[in-house]
Amino acid sequence: MRPFTATQRLRAGDIWVAGSRQFRDFDSYLIPPATYAALREKGPLPLAIETDFERHIEERRTRLDTAIDQVTVLARQGELPQVRLDESGLIISPLKAVTPPATEITRRAAYDRLPRVKITDILLEVDAWTGFSECFVHRRSGREADDRNALLTVILADGINLGLTRMAETCRGASLRQLAHLHDWHISEAAYGEALARLIDAHRTMPLAALWGDGTTSSSDGQQFHAGGRGAAIGDINARSGNEPGVAFYTHVSDRYDPFASRVIAATAGEAPYVLDGLLYHQTGLTIEEHYTDTGGASDHVFGLMPSSATASHRVCAT
């Protein structure tokens, strides 16, 4: 067996870099021993979970046994919805996306009442409400862009994946050189994060957004995009994706449909650590108390670290 390289050990957390945010010592995320000892002396730890291991396991076992008994009774009585359990095995009917005809008629009537506007006009109007274009300052001088319309054109080219060349060909007011200059000196991941935070903070205060939720719950999942070439040489294997090369966009969405965190990760990387990143390092005013993810975004480490987060009493639910 080949010895692990420094890069592989760094990714595994066996070694770390002093002062690094991404490759920090794992112990730095935990409560210092002196602080932990002082908290234990004062009384029960201020955590959202049971700190005694035996009581915690017993409680979880009781809840699991109760759920199993309920499912068993319903299965014997044939009352499990969309489920058939007999000598041939367990059969679960797939969910069907069926829209009632009355709902479809209402949907069309609602869309017919909406005005037909250009996406460029929407960008200008939303920017007038929120001022999100102010976040895209010059990388060196910190000044705002002189031509706001050209800046919004660059942002639109990124948003619809049109590219600067084709955008310059279809746009009369800006040249490719001007758009490229704005993209090189004003567009950055940090600027997009700050602008997104402004949009979300403005959206979550609207009365219509409150109809969907109170802004304290969220969910996250990844969307994978395969790339060309061979992936065997990268040495990373994912239980679901194998070692196929590609990337995944891991996105957090609140119950008010605000995509408050998004990150590009390797397709073979585990998703669970990025659940914590999205909940702790977003720039919005959202206070998430309960988060839902699939089994790809859940691990024992995330369950253990989430309740002891310093920012809020989070709870991760695997669905």
C-alpha atoms as a PDB file:
ATOM      1  CA  MET A   1       0.000   0.000   0.000  1.00  0.00           C
ATOM      2  CA  ARG A   2       1.356   3.395  -1.009  1.00  0.00           C
ATOM      3  CA  PRO A   3       1.973   5.939   1.786  1.00  0.00           C
ATOM      4  CA  PHE A   4      -0.420   8.850   1.907  1.00  0.00           C
ATOM      5  CA  THR A   5       0.815  12.091   0.374  1.00  0.00           C
ATOM      6  CA  ALA A   6       0.814  15.386   2.254  1.00  0.00           C
ATOM      7  CA  THR A   7      -2.187  16.548   0.204  1.00  0.00           C
ATOM      8  CA  GLN A   8      -4.209  13.463   1.099  1.00  0.00           C
ATOM      9  CA  ARG A   9      -3.316  13.763   4.788  1.00  0.00           C
ATOM     10  CA  LEU A  10      -4.262  17.444   4.685  1.00  0.00           C
ATOM     11  CA  ARG A  11      -7.670  16.631   3.192  1.00  0.00           C
ATOM     12  CA  ALA A  12      -8.213  13.886   5.778  1.00  0.00           C
ATOM     13  CA  GLY A  13      -7.437  16.247   8.652  1.00  0.00           C
ATOM     14  CA  ASP A  14      -4.386  14.313   9.821  1.00  0.00           C
ATOM     15  CA  ILE A  15      -2.279  17.456   9.441  1.00  0.00           C
ATOM     16  CA  TRP A  16      -3.275  21.121   9.404  1.00  0.00           C
ATOM     17  CA  VAL A  17      -1.980  24.560   8.513  1.00  0.00           C
ATOM     18  CA  ALA A  18      -1.579  27.219  11.190  1.00  0.00           C
ATOM     19  CA  GLY A  19      -3.679  30.291  10.395  1.00  0.00           C
ATOM     20  CA  SER A  20      -5.643  28.547   7.623  1.00  0.00           C
ATOM     21  CA  ARG A  21      -9.419  28.692   7.588  1.00  0.00           C
ATOM     22  CA  GLN A  22      -9.991  25.664   5.375  1.00  0.00           C
ATOM     23  CA  PHE A  23      -7.284  23.392   6.806  1.00  0.00           C
ATOM     24  CA  ARG A  24      -7.532  24.240  10.496  1.00  0.00           C
ATOM     25  CA  ASP A  25      -6.760  21.931  13.367  1.00  0.00           C
ATOM     26  CA  PHE A  26      -9.917  19.977  14.180  1.00  0.00           C
ATOM     27  CA  ASP A  27      -9.498  20.700  17.899  1.00  0.00           C
ATOM     28  CA  SER A  28      -9.799  24.439  17.207  1.00  0.00           C
ATOM     29  CA  TYR A  29     -13.480  23.913  16.389  1.00  0.00           C
ATOM     30  CA  LEU A  30     -14.124  22.457  19.832  1.00  0.00           C
ATOM     31  CA  ILE A  31     -14.560  24.132  23.205  1.00  0.00           C
ATOM     32  CA  PRO A  32     -11.182  24.661  24.921  1.00  0.00           C
ATOM     33  CA  PRO A  33     -10.561  22.107  27.718  1.00  0.00           C
ATOM     34  CA  ALA A  34     -10.393  24.813  30.400  1.00  0.00           C
ATOM     35  CA  THR A  35     -13.726  26.308  29.282  1.00  0.00           C
ATOM     36  CA  TYR A  36     -15.304  22.846  29.099  1.00  0.00           C
ATOM     37  CA  ALA A  37     -14.142  22.006  32.636  1.00  0.00           C
ATOM     38  CA  ALA A  38     -15.541  25.290  33.970  1.00  0.00           C
ATOM     39  CA  LEU A  39     -18.904  24.640  32.304  1.00  0.00           C
ATOM     40  CA  ARG A  40     -19.074  21.129  33.761  1.00  0.00           C
ATOM     41  CA  GLU A  41     -18.435  22.482  37.260  1.00  0.00           C
ATOM     42  CA  LYS A  42     -21.269  25.007  36.967  1.00  0.00           C
ATOM     43  CA  GLY A  43     -23.840  22.361  36.100  1.00  0.00           C
ATOM     44  CA  PRO A  44     -25.390  20.794  33.004  1.00  0.00           C
ATOM     45  CA  LEU A  45     -23.786  21.802  29.728  1.00  0.00           C
ATOM     46  CA  PRO A  46     -25.819  24.366  27.724  1.00  0.00           C
ATOM     47  CA  LEU A  47     -26.468  22.014  24.811  1.00  0.00           C
ATOM     48  CA  ALA A  48     -29.625  21.152  22.919  1.00  0.00           C
ATOM     49  CA  ILE A  49     -29.024  17.404  23.355  1.00  0.00           C
ATOM     50  CA  GLU A  50     -28.665  15.018  26.270  1.00  0.00           C
ATOM     51  CA  THR A  51     -25.017  15.045  27.375  1.00  0.00           C
ATOM     52  CA  ASP A  52     -25.098  11.731  29.207  1.00  0.00           C
ATOM     53  CA  PHE A  53     -24.288   9.045  26.649  1.00  0.00           C
ATOM     54  CA  GLU A  54     -26.332   6.235  28.223  1.00  0.00           C
ATOM     55  CA  ARG A  55     -29.465   8.387  28.597  1.00  0.00           C
ATOM     56  CA  HIS A  56     -29.051   9.758  25.067  1.00  0.00           C
ATOM     57  CA  ILE A  57     -28.774   6.277  23.540  1.00  0.00           C
ATOM     58  CA  GLU A  58     -31.685   4.985  25.606  1.00  0.00           C
ATOM     59  CA  GLU A  59     -33.872   7.883  24.496  1.00  0.00           C
ATOM     60  CA  ARG A  60     -33.003   7.324  20.845  1.00  0.00           C
ATOM     61  CA  ARG A  61     -33.598   3.582  21.194  1.00  0.00           C
ATOM     62  CA  THR A  62     -37.012   4.183  22.774  1.00  0.00           C
ATOM     63  CA  ARG A  63     -38.044   6.535  19.980  1.00  0.00           C
ATOM     64  CA  LEU A  64     -36.868   4.059  17.355  1.00  0.00           C
ATOM     65  CA  ASP A  65     -38.690   1.127  18.986  1.00  0.00           C
ATOM     66  CA  THR A  66     -41.899   3.175  19.202  1.00  0.00           C
ATOM     67  CA  ALA A  67     -41.706   4.089  15.524  1.00  0.00           C
ATOM     68  CA  ILE A  68     -41.013   0.470  14.537  1.00  0.00           C
ATOM     69  CA  ASP A  69     -44.006  -0.751  16.561  1.00  0.00           C
ATOM     70  CA  GLN A  70     -46.292   1.819  14.917  1.00  0.00           C
ATOM     71  CA  VAL A  71     -45.138   0.867  11.420  1.00  0.00           C
ATOM     72  CA  THR A  72     -45.504  -2.844  12.231  1.00  0.00           C
ATOM     73  CA  VAL A  73     -49.105  -2.427  13.409  1.00  0.00           C
ATOM     74  CA  LEU A  74     -50.056  -0.341  10.361  1.00  0.00           C
ATOM     75  CA  ALA A  75     -48.357  -2.808   8.014  1.00  0.00           C
ATOM     76  CA  ARG A  76     -50.218  -5.800   9.481  1.00  0.00           C
ATOM     77  CA  GLN A  77     -53.503  -3.949   9.147  1.00  0.00           C
ATOM     78  CA  GLY A  78     -52.684  -2.888   5.594  1.00  0.00           C
ATOM     79  CA  GLU A  79     -53.066   0.769   6.477  1.00  0.00           C
ATOM     80  CA  LEU A  80     -49.662   2.084   5.415  1.00  0.00           C
ATOM     81  CA  PRO A  81     -50.378   4.627   2.657  1.00  0.00           C
ATOM     82  CA  GLN A  82     -48.955   3.712  -0.769  1.00  0.00           C
ATOM     83  CA  VAL A  83     -47.225   0.640   0.745  1.00  0.00           C
ATOM     84  CA  ARG A  84     -47.844  -3.062   0.225  1.00  0.00           C
ATOM     85  CA  LEU A  85     -46.135  -5.629   2.461  1.00  0.00           C
ATOM     86  CA  ASP A  86     -46.797  -9.300   1.760  1.00  0.00           C
ATOM     87  CA  GLU A  87     -44.940 -12.549   1.101  1.00  0.00           C
ATOM     88  CA  SER A  88     -43.466 -11.098  -2.099  1.00  0.00           C
ATOM     89  CA  GLY A  89     -41.748  -8.302  -0.192  1.00  0.00           C
ATOM     90  CA  LEU A  90     -42.124  -4.577   0.449  1.00  0.00           C
ATOM     91  CA  ILE A  91     -43.485  -2.456  -2.378  1.00  0.00           C
ATOM     92  CA  ILE A  92     -43.700   1.334  -2.054  1.00  0.00           C
ATOM     93  CA  SER A  93     -45.596   3.241  -4.724  1.00  0.00           C
ATOM     94  CA  PRO A  94     -43.628   6.179  -6.194  1.00  0.00           C
ATOM     95  CA  LEU A  95     -45.006   9.635  -5.627  1.00  0.00           C
ATOM     96  CA  LYS A  96     -46.745  11.166  -8.602  1.00  0.00           C
ATOM     97  CA  ALA A  97     -46.628  14.865  -9.393  1.00  0.00           C
ATOM     98  CA  VAL A  98     -50.290  15.333 -10.207  1.00  0.00           C
ATOM     99  CA  THR A  99     -51.640  18.859 -10.529  1.00  0.00           C
ATOM    100  CA  PRO A 100     -55.422  19.112 -10.154  1.00  0.00           C
ATOM    101  CA  PRO A 101     -57.126  20.662 -13.223  1.00  0.00           C
ATOM    102  CA  ALA A 102     -58.590  23.484 -11.117  1.00  0.00           C
ATOM    103  CA  THR A 103     -55.123  24.379  -9.865  1.00  0.00           C
ATOM    104  CA  GLU A 104     -53.724  24.408 -13.396  1.00  0.00           C
ATOM    105  CA  ILE A 105     -56.462  26.793 -14.516  1.00  0.00           C
ATOM    106  CA  THR A 106     -55.757  29.078 -11.574  1.00  0.00           C
ATOM    107  CA  ARG A 107     -52.021  28.997 -12.296  1.00  0.00           C
ATOM    108  CA  ARG A 108     -52.519  30.046 -15.901  1.00  0.00           C
ATOM    109  CA  ALA A 109     -54.895  32.817 -14.894  1.00  0.00           C
ATOM    110  CA  ALA A 110     -52.359  34.128 -12.365  1.00  0.00           C
ATOM    111  CA  TYR A 111     -49.521  34.108 -14.895  1.00  0.00           C
ATOM    112  CA  ASP A 112     -51.685  35.889 -17.466  1.00  0.00           C
ATOM    113  CA  ARG A 113     -52.105  38.765 -15.031  1.00  0.00           C
ATOM    114  CA  LEU A 114     -48.354  39.270 -14.644  1.00  0.00           C
ATOM    115  CA  PRO A 115     -46.837  42.003 -16.832  1.00  0.00           C
ATOM    116  CA  ARG A 116     -44.424  41.054 -19.577  1.00  0.00           C
ATOM    117  CA  VAL A 117     -41.155  42.794 -18.713  1.00  0.00           C
ATOM    118  CA  LYS A 118     -37.540  42.427 -19.776  1.00  0.00           C
ATOM    119  CA  ILE A 119     -35.084  40.775 -17.419  1.00  0.00           C
ATOM    120  CA  THR A 120     -32.805  43.805 -17.748  1.00  0.00           C
ATOM    121  CA  ASP A 121     -35.603  46.045 -16.479  1.00  0.00           C
ATOM    122  CA  ILE A 122     -36.111  43.707 -13.517  1.00  0.00           C
ATOM    123  CA  LEU A 123     -32.404  43.901 -12.662  1.00  0.00           C
ATOM    124  CA  LEU A 124     -32.474  47.696 -12.717  1.00  0.00           C
ATOM    125  CA  GLU A 125     -35.598  47.835 -10.568  1.00  0.00           C
ATOM    126  CA  VAL A 126     -34.339  45.340  -7.983  1.00  0.00           C
ATOM    127  CA  ASP A 127     -31.017  47.162  -7.833  1.00  0.00           C
ATOM    128  CA  ALA A 128     -32.877  50.402  -7.157  1.00  0.00           C
ATOM    129  CA  TRP A 129     -34.643  48.698  -4.214  1.00  0.00           C
ATOM    130  CA  THR A 130     -31.647  46.948  -2.683  1.00  0.00           C
ATOM    131  CA  GLY A 131     -28.515  48.566  -4.094  1.00  0.00           C
ATOM    132  CA  PHE A 132     -26.867  45.170  -4.603  1.00  0.00           C
ATOM    133  CA  SER A 133     -24.650  46.546  -7.414  1.00  0.00           C
ATOM    134  CA  GLU A 134     -22.800  48.582  -4.761  1.00  0.00           C
ATOM    135  CA  CYS A 135     -21.214  45.332  -3.554  1.00  0.00           C
ATOM    136  CA  PHE A 136     -19.222  44.911  -6.776  1.00  0.00           C
ATOM    137  CA  VAL A 137     -16.467  47.405  -6.022  1.00  0.00           C
ATOM    138  CA  HIS A 138     -13.072  47.623  -7.713  1.00  0.00           C
ATOM    139  CA  ARG A 139     -10.677  44.977  -6.410  1.00  0.00           C
ATOM    140  CA  ARG A 140      -7.847  47.477  -5.918  1.00  0.00           C
ATOM    141  CA  SER A 141      -9.392  50.920  -5.315  1.00  0.00           C
ATOM    142  CA  GLY A 142     -12.667  49.839  -3.693  1.00  0.00           C
ATOM    143  CA  ARG A 143     -14.659  52.231  -5.917  1.00  0.00           C
ATOM    144  CA  GLU A 144     -18.027  51.378  -7.402  1.00  0.00           C
ATOM    145  CA  ALA A 145     -18.368  50.806 -11.137  1.00  0.00           C
ATOM    146  CA  ASP A 146     -18.842  53.982 -13.168  1.00  0.00           C
ATOM    147  CA  ASP A 147     -21.314  52.339 -15.573  1.00  0.00           C
ATOM    148  CA  ARG A 148     -23.982  50.526 -13.563  1.00  0.00           C
ATOM    149  CA  ASN A 149     -25.801  49.279 -16.669  1.00  0.00           C
ATOM    150  CA  ALA A 150     -22.634  47.645 -18.013  1.00  0.00           C
ATOM    151  CA  LEU A 151     -21.981  46.039 -14.610  1.00  0.00           C
ATOM    152  CA  LEU A 152     -25.490  44.581 -14.531  1.00  0.00           C
ATOM    153  CA  THR A 153     -24.917  43.303 -18.069  1.00  0.00           C
ATOM    154  CA  VAL A 154     -21.846  41.380 -16.854  1.00  0.00           C
ATOM    155  CA  ILE A 155     -23.838  39.960 -13.929  1.00  0.00           C
ATOM    156  CA  LEU A 156     -26.615  38.918 -16.321  1.00  0.00           C
ATOM    157  CA  ALA A 157     -24.083  37.188 -18.601  1.00  0.00           C
ATOM    158  CA  ASP A 158     -22.884  35.169 -15.614  1.00  0.00           C
ATOM    159  CA  GLY A 159     -26.421  34.431 -14.450  1.00  0.00           C
ATOM    160  CA  ILE A 160     -27.704  33.027 -17.748  1.00  0.00           C
ATOM    161  CA  ASN A 161     -24.327  31.480 -18.695  1.00  0.00           C
ATOM    162  CA  LEU A 162     -24.250  33.386 -21.970  1.00  0.00           C
ATOM    163  CA  GLY A 163     -20.636  34.503 -21.787  1.00  0.00           C
ATOM    164  CA  LEU A 164     -19.170  37.938 -22.335  1.00  0.00           C
ATOM    165  CA  THR A 165     -18.537  37.518 -26.072  1.00  0.00           C
ATOM    166  CA  ARG A 166     -22.115  36.605 -26.951  1.00  0.00           C
ATOM    167  CA  MET A 167     -23.449  39.171 -24.498  1.00  0.00           C
ATOM    168  CA  ALA A 168     -21.390  41.901 -26.193  1.00  0.00           C
ATOM    169  CA  GLU A 169     -22.744  40.785 -29.562  1.00  0.00           C
ATOM    170  CA  THR A 170     -26.356  41.018 -28.414  1.00  0.00           C
ATOM    171  CA  CYS A 171     -25.957  44.186 -26.321  1.00  0.00           C
ATOM    172  CA  ARG A 172     -25.664  47.531 -28.054  1.00  0.00           C
ATOM    173  CA  GLY A 173     -24.515  49.601 -25.104  1.00  0.00           C
ATOM    174  CA  ALA A 174     -21.281  47.833 -24.133  1.00  0.00           C
ATOM    175  CA  SER A 175     -18.247  46.398 -25.896  1.00  0.00           C
ATOM    176  CA  LEU A 176     -16.510  43.139 -25.126  1.00  0.00           C
ATOM    177  CA  ARG A 177     -13.469  45.035 -23.842  1.00  0.00           C
ATOM    178  CA  GLN A 178     -15.603  47.037 -21.415  1.00  0.00           C
ATOM    179  CA  LEU A 179     -17.437  43.965 -20.155  1.00  0.00           C
ATOM    180  CA  ALA A 180     -14.191  42.021 -19.743  1.00  0.00           C
ATOM    181  CA  HIS A 181     -12.638  44.873 -17.764  1.00  0.00           C
ATOM    182  CA  LEU A 182     -15.618  45.010 -15.408  1.00  0.00           C
ATOM    183  CA  HIS A 183     -15.600  41.246 -14.987  1.00  0.00           C
ATOM    184  CA  ASP A 184     -11.878  41.136 -14.164  1.00  0.00           C
ATOM    185  CA  TRP A 185     -11.862  44.021 -11.674  1.00  0.00           C
ATOM    186  CA  HIS A 186     -15.356  44.108 -10.132  1.00  0.00           C
ATOM    187  CA  ILE A 187     -16.721  40.549 -10.168  1.00  0.00           C
ATOM    188  CA  SER A 188     -15.653  38.154  -7.414  1.00  0.00           C
ATOM    189  CA  GLU A 189     -17.103  35.356  -5.300  1.00  0.00           C
ATOM    190  CA  ALA A 190     -17.047  37.590  -2.218  1.00  0.00           C
ATOM    191  CA  ALA A 191     -18.962  40.310  -4.060  1.00  0.00           C
ATOM    192  CA  TYR A 192     -21.596  37.818  -5.188  1.00  0.00           C
ATOM    193  CA  GLY A 193     -21.960  36.604  -1.597  1.00  0.00           C
ATOM    194  CA  GLU A 194     -22.430  40.131  -0.264  1.00  0.00           C
ATOM    195  CA  ALA A 195     -24.907  41.026  -3.019  1.00  0.00           C
ATOM    196  CA  LEU A 196     -26.868  37.814  -2.408  1.00  0.00           C
ATOM    197  CA  ALA A 197     -27.079  38.664   1.291  1.00  0.00           C
ATOM    198  CA  ARG A 198     -28.615  42.043   0.443  1.00  0.00           C
ATOM    199  CA  LEU A 199     -31.192  40.452  -1.816  1.00  0.00           C
ATOM    200  CA  ILE A 200     -32.127  37.806   0.749  1.00  0.00           C
ATOM    201  CA  ASP A 201     -32.402  40.305   3.601  1.00  0.00           C
ATOM    202  CA  ALA A 202     -34.734  42.411   1.440  1.00  0.00           C
ATOM    203  CA  HIS A 203     -36.770  39.414   0.301  1.00  0.00           C
ATOM    204  CA  ARG A 204     -37.290  37.874   3.739  1.00  0.00           C
ATOM    205  CA  THR A 205     -38.913  41.079   5.038  1.00  0.00           C
ATOM    206  CA  MET A 206     -41.664  40.962   2.416  1.00  0.00           C
ATOM    207  CA  PRO A 207     -45.100  39.863   3.644  1.00  0.00           C
ATOM    208  CA  LEU A 208     -45.456  37.410   0.748  1.00  0.00           C
ATOM    209  CA  ALA A 209     -42.282  35.555   1.746  1.00  0.00           C
ATOM    210  CA  ALA A 210     -43.638  35.062   5.277  1.00  0.00           C
ATOM    211  CA  LEU A 211     -46.428  32.890   3.870  1.00  0.00           C
ATOM    212  CA  TRP A 212     -43.911  30.120   3.132  1.00  0.00           C
ATOM    213  CA  GLY A 213     -42.228  29.982   6.547  1.00  0.00           C
ATOM    214  CA  ASP A 214     -40.772  31.932   9.431  1.00  0.00           C
ATOM    215  CA  GLY A 215     -37.194  31.814   8.151  1.00  0.00           C
ATOM    216  CA  THR A 216     -35.842  29.484  10.854  1.00  0.00           C
ATOM    217  CA  THR A 217     -35.706  26.224   8.875  1.00  0.00           C
ATOM    218  CA  SER A 218     -33.701  25.321   5.795  1.00  0.00           C
ATOM    219  CA  SER A 219     -32.495  22.435   3.674  1.00  0.00           C
ATOM    220  CA  SER A 220     -29.478  21.699   1.514  1.00  0.00           C
ATOM    221  CA  ASP A 221     -28.504  19.361  -1.287  1.00  0.00           C
ATOM    222  CA  GLY A 222     -25.939  19.061  -4.053  1.00  0.00           C
ATOM    223  CA  GLN A 223     -26.379  19.013  -7.812  1.00  0.00           C
ATOM    224  CA  GLN A 224     -23.652  17.181  -9.690  1.00  0.00           C
ATOM    225  CA  PHE A 225     -22.221  17.991 -13.097  1.00  0.00           C
ATOM    226  CA  HIS A 226     -19.927  15.446 -14.717  1.00  0.00           C
ATOM    227  CA  ALA A 227     -16.807  16.533 -16.562  1.00  0.00           C
ATOM    228  CA  GLY A 228     -14.859  14.887 -19.326  1.00  0.00           C
ATOM    229  CA  GLY A 229     -11.698  12.852 -18.932  1.00  0.00           C
ATOM    230  CA  ARG A 230     -10.687  10.070 -16.609  1.00  0.00           C
ATOM    231  CA  GLY A 231     -11.098  10.407 -12.853  1.00  0.00           C
ATOM    232  CA  ALA A 232      -9.105   7.420 -11.608  1.00  0.00           C
ATOM    233  CA  ALA A 233      -5.947   9.493 -11.178  1.00  0.00           C
ATOM    234  CA  ILE A 234      -7.468  11.877  -8.623  1.00  0.00           C
ATOM    235  CA  GLY A 235      -7.588   9.130  -5.974  1.00  0.00           C
ATOM    236  CA  ASP A 236     -10.831  10.341  -4.378  1.00  0.00           C
ATOM    237  CA  ILE A 237     -13.790   7.955  -4.241  1.00  0.00           C
ATOM    238  CA  ASN A 238     -17.323   8.828  -3.228  1.00  0.00           C
ATOM    239  CA  ALA A 239     -19.783   6.130  -2.149  1.00  0.00           C
ATOM    240  CA  ARG A 240     -22.440   7.399  -4.551  1.00  0.00           C
ATOM    241  CA  SER A 241     -20.434   9.030  -7.342  1.00  0.00           C
ATOM    242  CA  GLY A 242     -17.431   6.725  -7.499  1.00  0.00           C
ATOM    243  CA  ASN A 243     -14.362   8.464  -8.892  1.00  0.00           C
ATOM    244  CA  GLU A 244     -15.985  10.105 -11.902  1.00  0.00           C
ATOM    245  CA  PRO A 245     -14.527  13.608 -12.448  1.00  0.00           C
ATOM    246  CA  GLY A 246     -16.794  16.586 -12.049  1.00  0.00           C
ATOM    247  CA  VAL A 247     -18.078  19.189  -9.630  1.00  0.00           C
ATOM    248  CA  ALA A 248     -21.137  19.606  -7.434  1.00  0.00           C
ATOM    249  CA  PHE A 249     -22.968  22.770  -6.487  1.00  0.00           C
ATOM    250  CA  TYR A 250     -24.025  22.452  -2.849  1.00  0.00           C
ATOM    251  CA  THR A 251     -26.810  24.915  -2.017  1.00  0.00           C
ATOM    252  CA  HIS A 252     -28.671  25.888   1.161  1.00  0.00           C
ATOM    253  CA  VAL A 253     -32.260  27.125   0.796  1.00  0.00           C
ATOM    254  CA  SER A 254     -34.379  28.591   3.594  1.00  0.00           C
ATOM    255  CA  ASP A 255     -38.077  27.898   4.088  1.00  0.00           C
ATOM    256  CA  ARG A 256     -38.716  31.256   2.399  1.00  0.00           C
ATOM    257  CA  TYR A 257     -36.975  29.988  -0.740  1.00  0.00           C
ATOM    258  CA  ASP A 258     -33.827  32.072  -0.198  1.00  0.00           C
ATOM    259  CA  PRO A 259     -30.661  30.347  -1.527  1.00  0.00           C
ATOM    260  CA  PHE A 260     -28.487  31.820   1.209  1.00  0.00           C
ATOM    261  CA  ALA A 261     -25.357  29.715   0.647  1.00  0.00           C
ATOM    262  CA  SER A 262     -23.894  27.972  -2.362  1.00  0.00           C
ATOM    263  CA  ARG A 263     -20.499  26.387  -2.839  1.00  0.00           C
ATOM    264  CA  VAL A 264     -18.722  24.471  -5.589  1.00  0.00           C
ATOM    265  CA  ILE A 265     -17.167  21.230  -4.349  1.00  0.00           C
ATOM    266  CA  ALA A 266     -15.589  18.191  -5.965  1.00  0.00           C
ATOM    267  CA  ALA A 267     -18.090  15.587  -7.100  1.00  0.00           C
ATOM    268  CA  THR A 268     -16.260  12.959  -5.028  1.00  0.00           C
ATOM    269  CA  ALA A 269     -16.167  15.058  -1.841  1.00  0.00           C
ATOM    270  CA  GLY A 270     -18.398  14.285   1.123  1.00  0.00           C
ATOM    271  CA  GLU A 271     -21.241  16.784   1.514  1.00  0.00           C
ATOM    272  CA  ALA A 272     -21.598  16.691   5.300  1.00  0.00           C
ATOM    273  CA  PRO A 273     -18.872  19.243   6.222  1.00  0.00           C
ATOM    274  CA  TYR A 274     -20.346  21.781   3.811  1.00  0.00           C
ATOM    275  CA  VAL A 275     -23.641  21.678   5.689  1.00  0.00           C
ATOM    276  CA  LEU A 276     -21.829  23.371   8.578  1.00  0.00           C
ATOM    277  CA  ASP A 277     -20.097  25.866   6.278  1.00  0.00           C
ATOM    278  CA  GLY A 278     -23.361  27.022   4.745  1.00  0.00           C
ATOM    279  CA  LEU A 279     -25.100  27.447   8.103  1.00  0.00           C
ATOM    280  CA  LEU A 280     -22.254  29.193   9.901  1.00  0.00           C
ATOM    281  CA  TYR A 281     -20.562  31.309   7.242  1.00  0.00           C
ATOM    282  CA  HIS A 282     -23.397  32.896   5.270  1.00  0.00           C
ATOM    283  CA  GLN A 283     -23.664  36.696   5.291  1.00  0.00           C
ATOM    284  CA  THR A 284     -27.421  37.058   5.650  1.00  0.00           C
ATOM    285  CA  GLY A 285     -29.523  37.895   8.689  1.00  0.00           C
ATOM    286  CA  LEU A 286     -31.199  34.472   8.698  1.00  0.00           C
ATOM    287  CA  THR A 287     -31.181  32.583  11.995  1.00  0.00           C
ATOM    288  CA  ILE A 288     -31.562  28.912  11.118  1.00  0.00           C
ATOM    289  CA  GLU A 289     -32.672  26.679  13.977  1.00  0.00           C
ATOM    290  CA  GLU A 290     -33.549  23.468  12.130  1.00  0.00           C
ATOM    291  CA  HIS A 291     -31.887  22.158   8.993  1.00  0.00           C
ATOM    292  CA  TYR A 292     -32.881  19.253   6.755  1.00  0.00           C
ATOM    293  CA  THR A 293     -30.554  17.250   4.534  1.00  0.00           C
ATOM    294  CA  ASP A 294     -30.375  13.844   2.921  1.00  0.00           C
ATOM    295  CA  THR A 295     -28.073  11.083   4.112  1.00  0.00           C
ATOM    296  CA  GLY A 296     -25.284  12.424   1.905  1.00  0.00           C
ATOM    297  CA  GLY A 297     -25.169  15.584   4.012  1.00  0.00           C
ATOM    298  CA  ALA A 298     -25.402  13.894   7.413  1.00  0.00           C
ATOM    299  CA  SER A 299     -22.682  12.277   9.512  1.00  0.00           C
ATOM    300  CA  ASP A 300     -21.995  11.609  13.180  1.00  0.00           C
ATOM    301  CA  HIS A 301     -19.551  14.507  13.227  1.00  0.00           C
ATOM    302  CA  VAL A 302     -22.163  16.959  11.901  1.00  0.00           C
ATOM    303  CA  PHE A 303     -24.766  15.723  14.375  1.00  0.00           C
ATOM    304  CA  GLY A 304     -22.260  16.143  17.164  1.00  0.00           C
ATOM    305  CA  LEU A 305     -20.948  19.572  16.180  1.00  0.00           C
ATOM    306  CA  MET A 306     -24.241  21.177  15.159  1.00  0.00           C
ATOM    307  CA  PRO A 307     -25.939  21.402  18.604  1.00  0.00           C
ATOM    308  CA  SER A 308     -22.766  22.861  20.129  1.00  0.00           C
ATOM    309  CA  SER A 309     -22.449  25.572  17.484  1.00  0.00           C
ATOM    310  CA  ALA A 310     -21.631  28.942  18.965  1.00  0.00           C
ATOM    311  CA  THR A 311     -23.998  30.867  16.724  1.00  0.00           C
ATOM    312  CA  ALA A 312     -27.306  29.165  17.394  1.00  0.00           C
ATOM    313  CA  SER A 313     -28.933  25.988  18.617  1.00  0.00           C
ATOM    314  CA  HIS A 314     -29.018  24.173  15.283  1.00  0.00           C
ATOM    315  CA  ARG A 315     -30.562  20.796  14.653  1.00  0.00           C
ATOM    316  CA  VAL A 316     -29.788  18.654  11.608  1.00  0.00           C
ATOM    317  CA  CYS A 317     -32.454  16.254  10.373  1.00  0.00           C
ATOM    318  CA  ALA A 318     -31.598  13.550   7.824  1.00  0.00           C
ATOM    319  CA  THR A 319     -34.467  12.908   5.432  1.00  0.00           C
END
